[in-house]
Amino acid sequence: MAESKAGISRSDELRVFVLLTVVLVPVLSVLIVSGFGFAVWISQMILGPPGI
């Protein structure tokens, strides 16, 4: 019962899980936060700081 219907073994599933949790999620988190910060920075350069 190591193979499922789709042909994905338990080790393949573990490898994908580790890839997602160790590599993909942190990289995406950094990209999203830095992209938002960049957008705020550019908007403040164009529109001026908040409150003015």
PDB file of N, CA and C in Angstrom:
ATOM      1  N   MET A   1       0.822  -1.192   0.000  1.00  0.00           N
ATOM      2  CA  MET A   1       0.000   0.000   0.000  1.00  0.00           C
ATOM      3  C   MET A   1       0.868   1.258   0.000  1.00  0.00           C
ATOM      4  N   ALA A   2       2.112   1.143  -0.405  1.00  0.00           N
ATOM      5  CA  ALA A   2       3.000   2.292  -0.478  1.00  0.00           C
ATOM      6  C   ALA A   2       2.649   3.183  -1.666  1.00  0.00           C
ATOM      7  N   GLU A   3       2.111   2.609  -2.719  1.00  0.00           N
ATOM      8  CA  GLU A   3       1.737   3.375  -3.899  1.00  0.00           C
ATOM      9  C   GLU A   3       0.233   3.657  -3.871  1.00  0.00           C
ATOM     10  N   SER A   4      -0.125   4.899  -4.169  1.00  0.00           N
ATOM     11  CA  SER A   4      -1.537   5.227  -4.279  1.00  0.00           C
ATOM     12  C   SER A   4      -1.978   5.074  -5.736  1.00  0.00           C
ATOM     13  N   LYS A   5      -3.218   5.405  -6.002  1.00  0.00           N
ATOM     14  CA  LYS A   5      -3.727   5.278  -7.355  1.00  0.00           C
ATOM     15  C   LYS A   5      -2.990   6.187  -8.326  1.00  0.00           C
ATOM     16  N   ALA A   6      -2.601   7.358  -7.868  1.00  0.00           N
ATOM     17  CA  ALA A   6      -1.941   8.325  -8.742  1.00  0.00           C
ATOM     18  C   ALA A   6      -0.479   7.963  -8.976  1.00  0.00           C
ATOM     19  N   GLY A   7       0.058   6.994  -8.246  1.00  0.00           N
ATOM     20  CA  GLY A   7       1.434   6.591  -8.423  1.00  0.00           C
ATOM     21  C   GLY A   7       2.419   7.415  -7.618  1.00  0.00           C
ATOM     22  N   ILE A   8       1.948   8.135  -6.604  1.00  0.00           N
ATOM     23  CA  ILE A   8       2.818   8.953  -5.770  1.00  0.00           C
ATOM     24  C   ILE A   8       3.161   8.161  -4.512  1.00  0.00           C
ATOM     25  N   SER A   9       4.447   7.943  -4.316  1.00  0.00           N
ATOM     26  CA  SER A   9       4.851   7.166  -3.152  1.00  0.00           C
ATOM     27  C   SER A   9       4.908   8.058  -1.914  1.00  0.00           C
ATOM     28  N   ARG A  10       5.054   7.424  -0.775  1.00  0.00           N
ATOM     29  CA  ARG A  10       5.115   8.154   0.493  1.00  0.00           C
ATOM     30  C   ARG A  10       6.361   9.037   0.558  1.00  0.00           C
ATOM     31  N   SER A  11       7.470   8.569   0.016  1.00  0.00           N
ATOM     32  CA  SER A  11       8.689   9.382   0.028  1.00  0.00           C
ATOM     33  C   SER A  11       8.554  10.590  -0.893  1.00  0.00           C
ATOM     34  N   ASP A  12       7.862  10.418  -2.019  1.00  0.00           N
ATOM     35  CA  ASP A  12       7.611  11.556  -2.902  1.00  0.00           C
ATOM     36  C   ASP A  12       6.732  12.594  -2.204  1.00  0.00           C
ATOM     37  N   GLU A  13       5.737  12.116  -1.497  1.00  0.00           N
ATOM     38  CA  GLU A  13       4.846  13.014  -0.779  1.00  0.00           C
ATOM     39  C   GLU A  13       5.613  13.771   0.310  1.00  0.00           C
ATOM     40  N   LEU A  14       6.488  13.081   1.018  1.00  0.00           N
ATOM     41  CA  LEU A  14       7.305  13.721   2.053  1.00  0.00           C
ATOM     42  C   LEU A  14       8.248  14.753   1.439  1.00  0.00           C
ATOM     43  N   ARG A  15       8.828  14.431   0.294  1.00  0.00           N
ATOM     44  CA  ARG A  15       9.736  15.352  -0.390  1.00  0.00           C
ATOM     45  C   ARG A  15       9.000  16.629  -0.814  1.00  0.00           C
ATOM     46  N   VAL A  16       7.801  16.493  -1.331  1.00  0.00           N
ATOM     47  CA  VAL A  16       7.011  17.649  -1.738  1.00  0.00           C
ATOM     48  C   VAL A  16       6.622  18.486  -0.519  1.00  0.00           C
ATOM     49  N   PHE A  17       6.245  17.819   0.568  1.00  0.00           N
ATOM     50  CA  PHE A  17       5.880  18.521   1.794  1.00  0.00           C
ATOM     51  C   PHE A  17       7.059  19.328   2.331  1.00  0.00           C
ATOM     52  N   VAL A  18       8.244  18.735   2.355  1.00  0.00           N
ATOM     53  CA  VAL A  18       9.434  19.435   2.835  1.00  0.00           C
ATOM     54  C   VAL A  18       9.763  20.605   1.916  1.00  0.00           C
ATOM     55  N   LEU A  19       9.651  20.410   0.607  1.00  0.00           N
ATOM     56  CA  LEU A  19       9.892  21.492  -0.335  1.00  0.00           C
ATOM     57  C   LEU A  19       8.948  22.660  -0.079  1.00  0.00           C
ATOM     58  N   LEU A  20       7.678  22.348   0.130  1.00  0.00           N
ATOM     59  CA  LEU A  20       6.698  23.406   0.367  1.00  0.00           C
ATOM     60  C   LEU A  20       6.950  24.129   1.676  1.00  0.00           C
ATOM     61  N   THR A  21       7.194  23.393   2.755  1.00  0.00           N
ATOM     62  CA  THR A  21       7.295  24.016   4.068  1.00  0.00           C
ATOM     63  C   THR A  21       8.642  24.671   4.323  1.00  0.00           C
ATOM     64  N   VAL A  22       9.712  24.138   3.774  1.00  0.00           N
ATOM     65  CA  VAL A  22      11.049  24.659   4.060  1.00  0.00           C
ATOM     66  C   VAL A  22      11.470  25.703   3.030  1.00  0.00           C
ATOM     67  N   VAL A  23      11.059  25.551   1.783  1.00  0.00           N
ATOM     68  CA  VAL A  23      11.544  26.438   0.722  1.00  0.00           C
ATOM     69  C   VAL A  23      10.453  27.386   0.239  1.00  0.00           C
ATOM     70  N   LEU A  24       9.359  26.852  -0.235  1.00  0.00           N
ATOM     71  CA  LEU A  24       8.391  27.658  -0.970  1.00  0.00           C
ATOM     72  C   LEU A  24       7.651  28.661  -0.089  1.00  0.00           C
ATOM     73  N   VAL A  25       7.159  28.246   1.057  1.00  0.00           N
ATOM     74  CA  VAL A  25       6.386  29.146   1.922  1.00  0.00           C
ATOM     75  C   VAL A  25       7.238  30.306   2.437  1.00  0.00           C
ATOM     76  N   PRO A  26       8.459  30.064   2.960  1.00  0.00           N
ATOM     77  CA  PRO A  26       9.267  31.213   3.392  1.00  0.00           C
ATOM     78  C   PRO A  26       9.637  32.159   2.244  1.00  0.00           C
ATOM     79  N   VAL A  27       9.974  31.609   1.093  1.00  0.00           N
ATOM     80  CA  VAL A  27      10.340  32.464  -0.045  1.00  0.00           C
ATOM     81  C   VAL A  27       9.148  33.303  -0.480  1.00  0.00           C
ATOM     82  N   LEU A  28       7.984  32.692  -0.587  1.00  0.00           N
ATOM     83  CA  LEU A  28       6.796  33.447  -0.973  1.00  0.00           C
ATOM     84  C   LEU A  28       6.438  34.501   0.064  1.00  0.00           C
ATOM     85  N   SER A  29       6.601  34.181   1.341  1.00  0.00           N
ATOM     86  CA  SER A  29       6.309  35.144   2.402  1.00  0.00           C
ATOM     87  C   SER A  29       7.222  36.360   2.291  1.00  0.00           C
ATOM     88  N   VAL A  30       8.500  36.130   2.081  1.00  0.00           N
ATOM     89  CA  VAL A  30       9.445  37.242   1.948  1.00  0.00           C
ATOM     90  C   VAL A  30       9.115  38.071   0.715  1.00  0.00           C
ATOM     91  N   LEU A  31       8.794  37.418  -0.391  1.00  0.00           N
ATOM     92  CA  LEU A  31       8.470  38.152  -1.614  1.00  0.00           C
ATOM     93  C   LEU A  31       7.205  38.996  -1.462  1.00  0.00           C
ATOM     94  N   ILE A  32       6.203  38.461  -0.803  1.00  0.00           N
ATOM     95  CA  ILE A  32       4.950  39.200  -0.618  1.00  0.00           C
ATOM     96  C   ILE A  32       5.168  40.405   0.287  1.00  0.00           C
ATOM     97  N   VAL A  33       5.860  40.214   1.405  1.00  0.00           N
ATOM     98  CA  VAL A  33       6.086  41.316   2.346  1.00  0.00           C
ATOM     99  C   VAL A  33       6.985  42.378   1.726  1.00  0.00           C
ATOM    100  N   SER A  34       8.045  41.953   1.047  1.00  0.00           N
ATOM    101  CA  SER A  34       8.935  42.940   0.437  1.00  0.00           C
ATOM    102  C   SER A  34       8.261  43.650  -0.733  1.00  0.00           C
ATOM    103  N   GLY A  35       7.443  42.958  -1.470  1.00  0.00           N
ATOM    104  CA  GLY A  35       6.693  43.599  -2.548  1.00  0.00           C
ATOM    105  C   GLY A  35       5.723  44.640  -2.029  1.00  0.00           C
ATOM    106  N   PHE A  36       5.054  44.341  -0.933  1.00  0.00           N
ATOM    107  CA  PHE A  36       4.141  45.315  -0.327  1.00  0.00           C
ATOM    108  C   PHE A  36       4.920  46.527   0.188  1.00  0.00           C
ATOM    109  N   GLY A  37       6.055  46.278   0.832  1.00  0.00           N
ATOM    110  CA  GLY A  37       6.885  47.379   1.320  1.00  0.00           C
ATOM    111  C   GLY A  37       7.388  48.249   0.178  1.00  0.00           C
ATOM    112  N   PHE A  38       7.776  47.629  -0.920  1.00  0.00           N
ATOM    113  CA  PHE A  38       8.227  48.377  -2.094  1.00  0.00           C
ATOM    114  C   PHE A  38       7.092  49.223  -2.661  1.00  0.00           C
ATOM    115  N   ALA A  39       5.890  48.662  -2.713  1.00  0.00           N
ATOM    116  CA  ALA A  39       4.737  49.403  -3.226  1.00  0.00           C
ATOM    117  C   ALA A  39       4.423  50.606  -2.339  1.00  0.00           C
ATOM    118  N   VAL A  40       4.510  50.438  -1.035  1.00  0.00           N
ATOM    119  CA  VAL A  40       4.268  51.550  -0.119  1.00  0.00           C
ATOM    120  C   VAL A  40       5.345  52.613  -0.296  1.00  0.00           C
ATOM    121  N   TRP A  41       6.596  52.196  -0.419  1.00  0.00           N
ATOM    122  CA  TRP A  41       7.708  53.128  -0.600  1.00  0.00           C
ATOM    123  C   TRP A  41       7.538  53.948  -1.874  1.00  0.00           C
ATOM    124  N   ILE A  42       7.218  53.267  -2.980  1.00  0.00           N
ATOM    125  CA  ILE A  42       7.028  53.972  -4.256  1.00  0.00           C
ATOM    126  C   ILE A  42       5.825  54.913  -4.172  1.00  0.00           C
ATOM    127  N   SER A  43       4.742  54.466  -3.554  1.00  0.00           N
ATOM    128  CA  SER A  43       3.561  55.330  -3.458  1.00  0.00           C
ATOM    129  C   SER A  43       3.853  56.556  -2.606  1.00  0.00           C
ATOM    130  N   GLN A  44       4.674  56.417  -1.560  1.00  0.00           N
ATOM    131  CA  GLN A  44       5.015  57.578  -0.747  1.00  0.00           C
ATOM    132  C   GLN A  44       5.974  58.508  -1.487  1.00  0.00           C
ATOM    133  N   MET A  45       6.795  57.975  -2.375  1.00  0.00           N
ATOM    134  CA  MET A  45       7.646  58.842  -3.189  1.00  0.00           C
ATOM    135  C   MET A  45       6.805  59.671  -4.157  1.00  0.00           C
ATOM    136  N   ILE A  46       5.735  59.084  -4.691  1.00  0.00           N
ATOM    137  CA  ILE A  46       4.902  59.766  -5.674  1.00  0.00           C
ATOM    138  C   ILE A  46       3.873  60.684  -4.989  1.00  0.00           C
ATOM    139  N   LEU A  47       3.200  60.160  -3.971  1.00  0.00           N
ATOM    140  CA  LEU A  47       2.092  60.888  -3.340  1.00  0.00           C
ATOM    141  C   LEU A  47       2.496  61.681  -2.102  1.00  0.00           C
ATOM    142  N   GLY A  48       3.689  61.462  -1.603  1.00  0.00           N
ATOM    143  CA  GLY A  48       4.140  62.124  -0.385  1.00  0.00           C
ATOM    144  C   GLY A  48       3.825  61.263   0.831  1.00  0.00           C
ATOM    145  N   PRO A  49       4.431  61.608   1.968  1.00  0.00           N
ATOM    146  CA  PRO A  49       4.188  60.831   3.172  1.00  0.00           C
ATOM    147  C   PRO A  49       2.741  60.981   3.670  1.00  0.00           C
ATOM    148  N   PRO A  50       2.293  60.030   4.480  1.00  0.00           N
ATOM    149  CA  PRO A  50       0.914  60.102   4.966  1.00  0.00           C
ATOM    150  C   PRO A  50       0.715  61.318   5.880  1.00  0.00           C
ATOM    151  N   GLY A  51      -0.455  61.909   5.815  1.00  0.00           N
ATOM    152  CA  GLY A  51      -0.779  63.034   6.673  1.00  0.00           C
ATOM    153  C   GLY A  51      -0.456  64.387   6.078  1.00  0.00           C
ATOM    154  N   ILE A  52       0.083  64.396   4.867  1.00  0.00           N
ATOM    155  CA  ILE A  52       0.422  65.693   4.248  1.00  0.00           C
ATOM    156  C   ILE A  52      -0.527  65.960   3.102  1.00  0.00           C
TER     157      ILE A  52
END
